[in-house]
Amino acid sequence: FIEDLAAMRLAFEPEAAALAARRATPEDIARLHAIV
């Protein structure tokens, strides 16, 4: 179950991060820095 869950995350989240790199606004970046 843990392996299957990780595989699903790997199928989506790296691409979400790549899209974020393409589309992020200054407000988005500020939000992410604050969360980190």
PDB file of all heavy atoms in Angstrom:
ATOM      1  N   PHE A   1       0.833  -1.204   0.000  1.00  0.00           N
ATOM      2  CA  PHE A   1       0.000   0.000   0.000  1.00  0.00           C
ATOM      3  C   PHE A   1       0.867   1.254   0.000  1.00  0.00           C
ATOM      4  O   PHE A   1       0.590   2.213  -0.725  1.00  0.00           O
ATOM      5  CB  PHE A   1      -0.914  -0.009   1.232  1.00  0.00           C
ATOM      6  CG  PHE A   1      -1.805   1.199   1.338  1.00  0.00           C
ATOM      7  CD1 PHE A   1      -2.885   1.359   0.490  1.00  0.00           C
ATOM      8  CD2 PHE A   1      -1.563   2.180   2.291  1.00  0.00           C
ATOM      9  CE1 PHE A   1      -3.713   2.472   0.586  1.00  0.00           C
ATOM     10  CE2 PHE A   1      -2.380   3.297   2.399  1.00  0.00           C
ATOM     11  CZ  PHE A   1      -3.457   3.442   1.539  1.00  0.00           C
ATOM     12  N   ILE A   2       1.928   1.246   0.794  1.00  0.00           N
ATOM     13  CA  ILE A   2       2.824   2.394   0.850  1.00  0.00           C
ATOM     14  C   ILE A   2       3.508   2.619  -0.494  1.00  0.00           C
ATOM     15  O   ILE A   2       3.628   3.751  -0.971  1.00  0.00           O
ATOM     16  CB  ILE A   2       3.859   2.211   1.978  1.00  0.00           C
ATOM     17  CG1 ILE A   2       3.155   2.241   3.338  1.00  0.00           C
ATOM     18  CG2 ILE A   2       4.946   3.281   1.909  1.00  0.00           C
ATOM     19  CD1 ILE A   2       4.040   1.852   4.493  1.00  0.00           C
ATOM     20  N   GLU A   3       3.940   1.537  -1.140  1.00  0.00           N
ATOM     21  CA  GLU A   3       4.586   1.659  -2.450  1.00  0.00           C
ATOM     22  C   GLU A   3       3.614   2.182  -3.500  1.00  0.00           C
ATOM     23  O   GLU A   3       3.972   3.035  -4.324  1.00  0.00           O
ATOM     24  CB  GLU A   3       5.136   0.293  -2.882  1.00  0.00           C
ATOM     25  CG  GLU A   3       6.360  -0.152  -2.088  1.00  0.00           C
ATOM     26  CD  GLU A   3       6.844  -1.533  -2.512  1.00  0.00           C
ATOM     27  OE1 GLU A   3       6.076  -2.248  -3.223  1.00  0.00           O
ATOM     28  OE2 GLU A   3       7.969  -1.906  -2.133  1.00  0.00           O
ATOM     29  N   ASP A   4       2.395   1.688  -3.484  1.00  0.00           N
ATOM     30  CA  ASP A   4       1.394   2.138  -4.462  1.00  0.00           C
ATOM     31  C   ASP A   4       1.063   3.613  -4.264  1.00  0.00           C
ATOM     32  O   ASP A   4       0.898   4.366  -5.231  1.00  0.00           O
ATOM     33  CB  ASP A   4       0.122   1.299  -4.332  1.00  0.00           C
ATOM     34  CG  ASP A   4       0.308  -0.134  -4.827  1.00  0.00           C
ATOM     35  OD1 ASP A   4       1.285  -0.391  -5.548  1.00  0.00           O
ATOM     36  OD2 ASP A   4      -0.535  -0.983  -4.481  1.00  0.00           O
ATOM     37  N   LEU A   5       0.964   4.029  -3.017  1.00  0.00           N
ATOM     38  CA  LEU A   5       0.660   5.421  -2.719  1.00  0.00           C
ATOM     39  C   LEU A   5       1.794   6.334  -3.191  1.00  0.00           C
ATOM     40  O   LEU A   5       1.553   7.381  -3.805  1.00  0.00           O
ATOM     41  CB  LEU A   5       0.432   5.590  -1.220  1.00  0.00           C
ATOM     42  CG  LEU A   5       0.008   6.961  -0.713  1.00  0.00           C
ATOM     43  CD1 LEU A   5      -1.271   7.421  -1.388  1.00  0.00           C
ATOM     44  CD2 LEU A   5      -0.179   6.927   0.802  1.00  0.00           C
ATOM     45  N   ALA A   6       3.032   5.924  -2.936  1.00  0.00           N
ATOM     46  CA  ALA A   6       4.176   6.721  -3.388  1.00  0.00           C
ATOM     47  C   ALA A   6       4.225   6.800  -4.908  1.00  0.00           C
ATOM     48  O   ALA A   6       4.532   7.858  -5.478  1.00  0.00           O
ATOM     49  CB  ALA A   6       5.479   6.116  -2.848  1.00  0.00           C
ATOM     50  N   ALA A   7       3.896   5.697  -5.579  1.00  0.00           N
ATOM     51  CA  ALA A   7       3.904   5.691  -7.046  1.00  0.00           C
ATOM     52  C   ALA A   7       2.881   6.674  -7.605  1.00  0.00           C
ATOM     53  O   ALA A   7       3.147   7.373  -8.602  1.00  0.00           O
ATOM     54  CB  ALA A   7       3.628   4.283  -7.565  1.00  0.00           C
ATOM     55  N   MET A   8       1.712   6.748  -6.973  1.00  0.00           N
ATOM     56  CA  MET A   8       0.702   7.696  -7.430  1.00  0.00           C
ATOM     57  C   MET A   8       1.166   9.134  -7.217  1.00  0.00           C
ATOM     58  O   MET A   8       0.992   9.995  -8.082  1.00  0.00           O
ATOM     59  CB  MET A   8      -0.608   7.455  -6.686  1.00  0.00           C
ATOM     60  CG  MET A   8      -1.416   6.288  -7.228  1.00  0.00           C
ATOM     61  SD  MET A   8      -1.961   6.585  -8.927  1.00  0.00           S
ATOM     62  CE  MET A   8      -3.076   7.957  -8.693  1.00  0.00           C
ATOM     63  N   ARG A   9       1.789   9.394  -6.071  1.00  0.00           N
ATOM     64  CA  ARG A   9       2.293  10.747  -5.829  1.00  0.00           C
ATOM     65  C   ARG A   9       3.367  11.118  -6.849  1.00  0.00           C
ATOM     66  O   ARG A   9       3.403  12.246  -7.343  1.00  0.00           O
ATOM     67  CB  ARG A   9       2.861  10.848  -4.412  1.00  0.00           C
ATOM     68  CG  ARG A   9       1.819  10.750  -3.316  1.00  0.00           C
ATOM     69  CD  ARG A   9       2.439  11.031  -1.961  1.00  0.00           C
ATOM     70  NE  ARG A   9       2.877  12.416  -1.853  1.00  0.00           N
ATOM     71  CZ  ARG A   9       3.677  12.866  -0.886  1.00  0.00           C
ATOM     72  NH1 ARG A   9       4.138  12.037   0.031  1.00  0.00           N
ATOM     73  NH2 ARG A   9       4.019  14.147  -0.856  1.00  0.00           N
ATOM     74  N   LEU A  10       4.239  10.157  -7.163  1.00  0.00           N
ATOM     75  CA  LEU A  10       5.312  10.429  -8.127  1.00  0.00           C
ATOM     76  C   LEU A  10       4.763  10.681  -9.530  1.00  0.00           C
ATOM     77  O   LEU A  10       5.403  11.356 -10.344  1.00  0.00           O
ATOM     78  CB  LEU A  10       6.302   9.258  -8.151  1.00  0.00           C
ATOM     79  CG  LEU A  10       7.222   9.156  -6.935  1.00  0.00           C
ATOM     80  CD1 LEU A  10       7.953   7.817  -6.925  1.00  0.00           C
ATOM     81  CD2 LEU A  10       8.221  10.307  -6.915  1.00  0.00           C
ATOM     82  N   ALA A  11       3.600  10.163  -9.798  1.00  0.00           N
ATOM     83  CA  ALA A  11       2.995  10.373 -11.117  1.00  0.00           C
ATOM     84  C   ALA A  11       2.419  11.778 -11.255  1.00  0.00           C
ATOM     85  O   ALA A  11       2.283  12.274 -12.380  1.00  0.00           O
ATOM     86  CB  ALA A  11       1.893   9.334 -11.357  1.00  0.00           C
ATOM     87  N   PHE A  12       2.085  12.414 -10.130  1.00  0.00           N
ATOM     88  CA  PHE A  12       1.416  13.715 -10.184  1.00  0.00           C
ATOM     89  C   PHE A  12       2.265  14.875  -9.678  1.00  0.00           C
ATOM     90  O   PHE A  12       2.380  15.904 -10.342  1.00  0.00           O
ATOM     91  CB  PHE A  12       0.110  13.679  -9.372  1.00  0.00           C
ATOM     92  CG  PHE A  12      -0.990  12.902 -10.018  1.00  0.00           C
ATOM     93  CD1 PHE A  12      -1.238  11.586  -9.659  1.00  0.00           C
ATOM     94  CD2 PHE A  12      -1.797  13.491 -10.982  1.00  0.00           C
ATOM     95  CE1 PHE A  12      -2.265  10.863 -10.261  1.00  0.00           C
ATOM     96  CE2 PHE A  12      -2.823  12.780 -11.581  1.00  0.00           C
ATOM     97  CZ  PHE A  12      -3.052  11.460 -11.224  1.00  0.00           C
ATOM     98  N   GLU A  13       2.825  14.734  -8.488  1.00  0.00           N
ATOM     99  CA  GLU A  13       3.411  15.894  -7.820  1.00  0.00           C
ATOM    100  C   GLU A  13       4.648  16.493  -8.502  1.00  0.00           C
ATOM    101  O   GLU A  13       4.794  17.724  -8.520  1.00  0.00           O
ATOM    102  CB  GLU A  13       3.696  15.563  -6.364  1.00  0.00           C
ATOM    103  CG  GLU A  13       2.428  15.428  -5.533  1.00  0.00           C
ATOM    104  CD  GLU A  13       2.726  15.399  -4.055  1.00  0.00           C
ATOM    105  OE1 GLU A  13       2.958  16.469  -3.478  1.00  0.00           O
ATOM    106  OE2 GLU A  13       2.754  14.281  -3.502  1.00  0.00           O
ATOM    107  N   PRO A  14       5.574  15.693  -9.043  1.00  0.00           N
ATOM    108  CA  PRO A  14       6.692  16.329  -9.754  1.00  0.00           C
ATOM    109  C   PRO A  14       6.219  17.184 -10.931  1.00  0.00           C
ATOM    110  O   PRO A  14       6.780  18.261 -11.191  1.00  0.00           O
ATOM    111  CB  PRO A  14       7.538  15.130 -10.218  1.00  0.00           C
ATOM    112  CG  PRO A  14       7.256  14.071  -9.201  1.00  0.00           C
ATOM    113  CD  PRO A  14       5.797  14.233  -8.899  1.00  0.00           C
ATOM    114  N   GLU A  15       5.172  16.728 -11.611  1.00  0.00           N
ATOM    115  CA  GLU A  15       4.641  17.530 -12.715  1.00  0.00           C
ATOM    116  C   GLU A  15       3.936  18.786 -12.205  1.00  0.00           C
ATOM    117  O   GLU A  15       3.970  19.840 -12.846  1.00  0.00           O
ATOM    118  CB  GLU A  15       3.678  16.694 -13.563  1.00  0.00           C
ATOM    119  CG  GLU A  15       4.372  15.561 -14.309  1.00  0.00           C
ATOM    120  CD  GLU A  15       5.563  16.054 -15.114  1.00  0.00           C
ATOM    121  OE1 GLU A  15       5.417  17.057 -15.850  1.00  0.00           O
ATOM    122  OE2 GLU A  15       6.641  15.437 -14.999  1.00  0.00           O
ATOM    123  N   ALA A  16       3.303  18.680 -11.039  1.00  0.00           N
ATOM    124  CA  ALA A  16       2.692  19.869 -10.437  1.00  0.00           C
ATOM    125  C   ALA A  16       3.765  20.897 -10.113  1.00  0.00           C
ATOM    126  O   ALA A  16       3.578  22.108 -10.327  1.00  0.00           O
ATOM    127  CB  ALA A  16       1.922  19.488  -9.177  1.00  0.00           C
ATOM    128  N   ALA A  17       4.908  20.432  -9.601  1.00  0.00           N
ATOM    129  CA  ALA A  17       6.004  21.351  -9.293  1.00  0.00           C
ATOM    130  C   ALA A  17       6.546  21.999 -10.564  1.00  0.00           C
ATOM    131  O   ALA A  17       6.872  23.196 -10.572  1.00  0.00           O
ATOM    132  CB  ALA A  17       7.117  20.606  -8.559  1.00  0.00           C
ATOM    133  N   ALA A  18       6.653  21.208 -11.645  1.00  0.00           N
ATOM    134  CA  ALA A  18       7.134  21.759 -12.911  1.00  0.00           C
ATOM    135  C   ALA A  18       6.167  22.817 -13.447  1.00  0.00           C
ATOM    136  O   ALA A  18       6.586  23.875 -13.934  1.00  0.00           O
ATOM    137  CB  ALA A  18       7.318  20.637 -13.924  1.00  0.00           C
ATOM    138  N   LEU A  19       4.874  22.541 -13.363  1.00  0.00           N
ATOM    139  CA  LEU A  19       3.884  23.528 -13.797  1.00  0.00           C
ATOM    140  C   LEU A  19       3.943  24.781 -12.922  1.00  0.00           C
ATOM    141  O   LEU A  19       3.773  25.903 -13.417  1.00  0.00           O
ATOM    142  CB  LEU A  19       2.477  22.918 -13.742  1.00  0.00           C
ATOM    143  CG  LEU A  19       2.123  21.922 -14.842  1.00  0.00           C
ATOM    144  CD1 LEU A  19       0.774  21.272 -14.541  1.00  0.00           C
ATOM    145  CD2 LEU A  19       2.077  22.610 -16.201  1.00  0.00           C
ATOM    146  N   ALA A  20       4.174  24.574 -11.628  1.00  0.00           N
ATOM    147  CA  ALA A  20       4.286  25.722 -10.725  1.00  0.00           C
ATOM    148  C   ALA A  20       5.470  26.598 -11.127  1.00  0.00           C
ATOM    149  O   ALA A  20       5.389  27.838 -11.055  1.00  0.00           O
ATOM    150  CB  ALA A  20       4.442  25.241  -9.285  1.00  0.00           C
ATOM    151  N   ALA A  21       6.570  25.976 -11.542  1.00  0.00           N
ATOM    152  CA  ALA A  21       7.740  26.746 -11.984  1.00  0.00           C
ATOM    153  C   ALA A  21       7.416  27.590 -13.211  1.00  0.00           C
ATOM    154  O   ALA A  21       7.984  28.660 -13.413  1.00  0.00           O
ATOM    155  CB  ALA A  21       8.907  25.804 -12.277  1.00  0.00           C
ATOM    156  N   ARG A  22       6.491  27.114 -14.013  1.00  0.00           N
ATOM    157  CA  ARG A  22       6.105  27.826 -15.229  1.00  0.00           C
ATOM    158  C   ARG A  22       5.085  28.929 -14.944  1.00  0.00           C
ATOM    159  O   ARG A  22       5.059  29.946 -15.635  1.00  0.00           O
ATOM    160  CB  ARG A  22       5.515  26.823 -16.224  1.00  0.00           C
ATOM    161  CG  ARG A  22       5.241  27.380 -17.613  1.00  0.00           C
ATOM    162  CD  ARG A  22       4.520  26.334 -18.469  1.00  0.00           C
ATOM    163  NE  ARG A  22       5.182  25.028 -18.430  1.00  0.00           N
ATOM    164  CZ  ARG A  22       4.649  23.912 -18.911  1.00  0.00           C
ATOM    165  NH1 ARG A  22       3.429  23.936 -19.446  1.00  0.00           N
ATOM    166  NH2 ARG A  22       5.311  22.770 -18.846  1.00  0.00           N
ATOM    167  N   ARG A  23       4.246  28.738 -13.917  1.00  0.00           N
ATOM    168  CA  ARG A  23       3.086  29.604 -13.754  1.00  0.00           C
ATOM    169  C   ARG A  23       3.054  30.427 -12.463  1.00  0.00           C
ATOM    170  O   ARG A  23       2.132  31.219 -12.266  1.00  0.00           O
ATOM    171  CB  ARG A  23       1.817  28.744 -13.819  1.00  0.00           C
ATOM    172  CG  ARG A  23       1.656  28.005 -15.139  1.00  0.00           C
ATOM    173  CD  ARG A  23       0.519  26.993 -15.088  1.00  0.00           C
ATOM    174  NE  ARG A  23       0.310  26.376 -16.403  1.00  0.00           N
ATOM    175  CZ  ARG A  23      -0.534  25.370 -16.647  1.00  0.00           C
ATOM    176  NH1 ARG A  23      -1.248  24.868 -15.642  1.00  0.00           N
ATOM    177  NH2 ARG A  23      -0.662  24.879 -17.861  1.00  0.00           N
ATOM    178  N   ALA A  24       4.025  30.256 -11.601  1.00  0.00           N
ATOM    179  CA  ALA A  24       3.975  30.915 -10.291  1.00  0.00           C
ATOM    180  C   ALA A  24       4.026  32.432 -10.412  1.00  0.00           C
ATOM    181  O   ALA A  24       4.762  32.993 -11.225  1.00  0.00           O
ATOM    182  CB  ALA A  24       5.132  30.429  -9.423  1.00  0.00           C
ATOM    183  N   THR A  25       3.240  33.079  -9.589  1.00  0.00           N
ATOM    184  CA  THR A  25       3.264  34.539  -9.471  1.00  0.00           C
ATOM    185  C   THR A  25       4.123  34.915  -8.264  1.00  0.00           C
ATOM    186  O   THR A  25       4.433  34.051  -7.416  1.00  0.00           O
ATOM    187  CB  THR A  25       1.851  35.091  -9.262  1.00  0.00           C
ATOM    188  OG1 THR A  25       1.372  34.621  -7.983  1.00  0.00           O
ATOM    189  CG2 THR A  25       0.911  34.623 -10.365  1.00  0.00           C
ATOM    190  N   PRO A  26       4.507  36.171  -8.122  1.00  0.00           N
ATOM    191  CA  PRO A  26       5.238  36.587  -6.917  1.00  0.00           C
ATOM    192  C   PRO A  26       4.470  36.264  -5.634  1.00  0.00           C
ATOM    193  O   PRO A  26       5.083  35.904  -4.614  1.00  0.00           O
ATOM    194  CB  PRO A  26       5.401  38.093  -7.115  1.00  0.00           C
ATOM    195  CG  PRO A  26       5.417  38.273  -8.599  1.00  0.00           C
ATOM    196  CD  PRO A  26       4.428  37.262  -9.122  1.00  0.00           C
ATOM    197  N   GLU A  27       3.165  36.361  -5.682  1.00  0.00           N
ATOM    198  CA  GLU A  27       2.351  36.032  -4.502  1.00  0.00           C
ATOM    199  C   GLU A  27       2.460  34.541  -4.167  1.00  0.00           C
ATOM    200  O   GLU A  27       2.521  34.166  -2.985  1.00  0.00           O
ATOM    201  CB  GLU A  27       0.890  36.409  -4.741  1.00  0.00           C
ATOM    202  CG  GLU A  27       0.618  37.904  -4.807  1.00  0.00           C
ATOM    203  CD  GLU A  27       1.058  38.540  -6.129  1.00  0.00           C
ATOM    204  OE1 GLU A  27       1.261  37.790  -7.121  1.00  0.00           O
ATOM    205  OE2 GLU A  27       1.212  39.773  -6.161  1.00  0.00           O
ATOM    206  N   ASP A  28       2.471  33.698  -5.203  1.00  0.00           N
ATOM    207  CA  ASP A  28       2.635  32.258  -4.980  1.00  0.00           C
ATOM    208  C   ASP A  28       3.975  31.960  -4.321  1.00  0.00           C
ATOM    209  O   ASP A  28       4.064  31.153  -3.380  1.00  0.00           O
ATOM    210  CB  ASP A  28       2.557  31.497  -6.307  1.00  0.00           C
ATOM    211  CG  ASP A  28       1.197  31.550  -6.960  1.00  0.00           C
ATOM    212  OD1 ASP A  28       0.195  31.558  -6.227  1.00  0.00           O
ATOM    213  OD2 ASP A  28       1.148  31.577  -8.208  1.00  0.00           O
ATOM    214  N   ILE A  29       5.027  32.591  -4.823  1.00  0.00           N
ATOM    215  CA  ILE A  29       6.367  32.359  -4.282  1.00  0.00           C
ATOM    216  C   ILE A  29       6.437  32.791  -2.821  1.00  0.00           C
ATOM    217  O   ILE A  29       7.007  32.101  -1.967  1.00  0.00           O
ATOM    218  CB  ILE A  29       7.427  33.118  -5.115  1.00  0.00           C
ATOM    219  CG1 ILE A  29       7.438  32.603  -6.570  1.00  0.00           C
ATOM    220  CG2 ILE A  29       8.808  32.952  -4.484  1.00  0.00           C
ATOM    221  CD1 ILE A  29       7.759  31.135  -6.713  1.00  0.00           C
ATOM    222  N   ALA A  30       5.841  33.933  -2.519  1.00  0.00           N
ATOM    223  CA  ALA A  30       5.832  34.412  -1.129  1.00  0.00           C
ATOM    224  C   ALA A  30       5.098  33.425  -0.228  1.00  0.00           C
ATOM    225  O   ALA A  30       5.539  33.155   0.910  1.00  0.00           O
ATOM    226  CB  ALA A  30       5.174  35.784  -1.060  1.00  0.00           C
ATOM    227  N   ARG A  31       3.991  32.893  -0.720  1.00  0.00           N
ATOM    228  CA  ARG A  31       3.234  31.906   0.061  1.00  0.00           C
ATOM    229  C   ARG A  31       4.078  30.671   0.333  1.00  0.00           C
ATOM    230  O   ARG A  31       4.124  30.166   1.473  1.00  0.00           O
ATOM    231  CB  ARG A  31       1.952  31.526  -0.698  1.00  0.00           C
ATOM    232  CG  ARG A  31       1.129  30.431  -0.041  1.00  0.00           C
ATOM    233  CD  ARG A  31      -0.008  29.989  -0.954  1.00  0.00           C
ATOM    234  NE  ARG A  31      -0.803  28.914  -0.362  1.00  0.00           N
ATOM    235  CZ  ARG A  31      -1.725  28.205  -1.025  1.00  0.00           C
ATOM    236  NH1 ARG A  31      -1.979  28.480  -2.306  1.00  0.00           N
ATOM    237  NH2 ARG A  31      -2.399  27.243  -0.419  1.00  0.00           N
ATOM    238  N   LEU A  32       4.773  30.167  -0.675  1.00  0.00           N
ATOM    239  CA  LEU A  32       5.583  28.961  -0.515  1.00  0.00           C
ATOM    240  C   LEU A  32       6.742  29.187   0.451  1.00  0.00           C
ATOM    241  O   LEU A  32       7.046  28.330   1.294  1.00  0.00           O
ATOM    242  CB  LEU A  32       6.094  28.497  -1.880  1.00  0.00           C
ATOM    243  CG  LEU A  32       5.032  27.935  -2.828  1.00  0.00           C
ATOM    244  CD1 LEU A  32       5.609  27.739  -4.228  1.00  0.00           C
ATOM    245  CD2 LEU A  32       4.473  26.610  -2.303  1.00  0.00           C
ATOM    246  N   HIS A  33       7.401  30.331   0.337  1.00  0.00           N
ATOM    247  CA  HIS A  33       8.494  30.633   1.269  1.00  0.00           C
ATOM    248  C   HIS A  33       7.982  30.702   2.704  1.00  0.00           C
ATOM    249  O   HIS A  33       8.644  30.213   3.640  1.00  0.00           O
ATOM    250  CB  HIS A  33       9.169  31.954   0.889  1.00  0.00           C
ATOM    251  CG  HIS A  33      10.208  31.826  -0.183  1.00  0.00           C
ATOM    252  ND1 HIS A  33      11.329  31.029  -0.042  1.00  0.00           N
ATOM    253  CD2 HIS A  33      10.313  32.405  -1.413  1.00  0.00           C
ATOM    254  CE1 HIS A  33      12.080  31.113  -1.124  1.00  0.00           C
ATOM    255  NE2 HIS A  33      11.479  31.932  -1.984  1.00  0.00           N
ATOM    256  N   ALA A  34       6.825  31.293   2.895  1.00  0.00           N
ATOM    257  CA  ALA A  34       6.259  31.405   4.243  1.00  0.00           C
ATOM    258  C   ALA A  34       5.956  30.025   4.831  1.00  0.00           C
ATOM    259  O   ALA A  34       6.208  29.779   6.022  1.00  0.00           O
ATOM    260  CB  ALA A  34       4.990  32.258   4.212  1.00  0.00           C
ATOM    261  N   ILE A  35       5.451  29.133   4.006  1.00  0.00           N
ATOM    262  CA  ILE A  35       5.139  27.782   4.493  1.00  0.00           C
ATOM    263  C   ILE A  35       6.420  27.045   4.849  1.00  0.00           C
ATOM    264  O   ILE A  35       6.492  26.340   5.879  1.00  0.00           O
ATOM    265  CB  ILE A  35       4.327  26.997   3.445  1.00  0.00           C
ATOM    266  CG1 ILE A  35       2.960  27.649   3.231  1.00  0.00           C
ATOM    267  CG2 ILE A  35       4.149  25.549   3.895  1.00  0.00           C
ATOM    268  CD1 ILE A  35       2.158  27.026   2.105  1.00  0.00           C
ATOM    269  N   VAL A  36       7.458  27.175   4.023  1.00  0.00           N
ATOM    270  CA  VAL A  36       8.721  26.504   4.324  1.00  0.00           C
ATOM    271  C   VAL A  36       9.325  27.058   5.617  1.00  0.00           C
ATOM    272  O   VAL A  36       9.888  26.307   6.426  1.00  0.00           O
ATOM    273  CB  VAL A  36       9.708  26.628   3.152  1.00  0.00           C
ATOM    274  CG1 VAL A  36      11.086  26.099   3.560  1.00  0.00           C
ATOM    275  CG2 VAL A  36       9.201  25.846   1.949  1.00  0.00           C
TER     276      VAL A  36
END
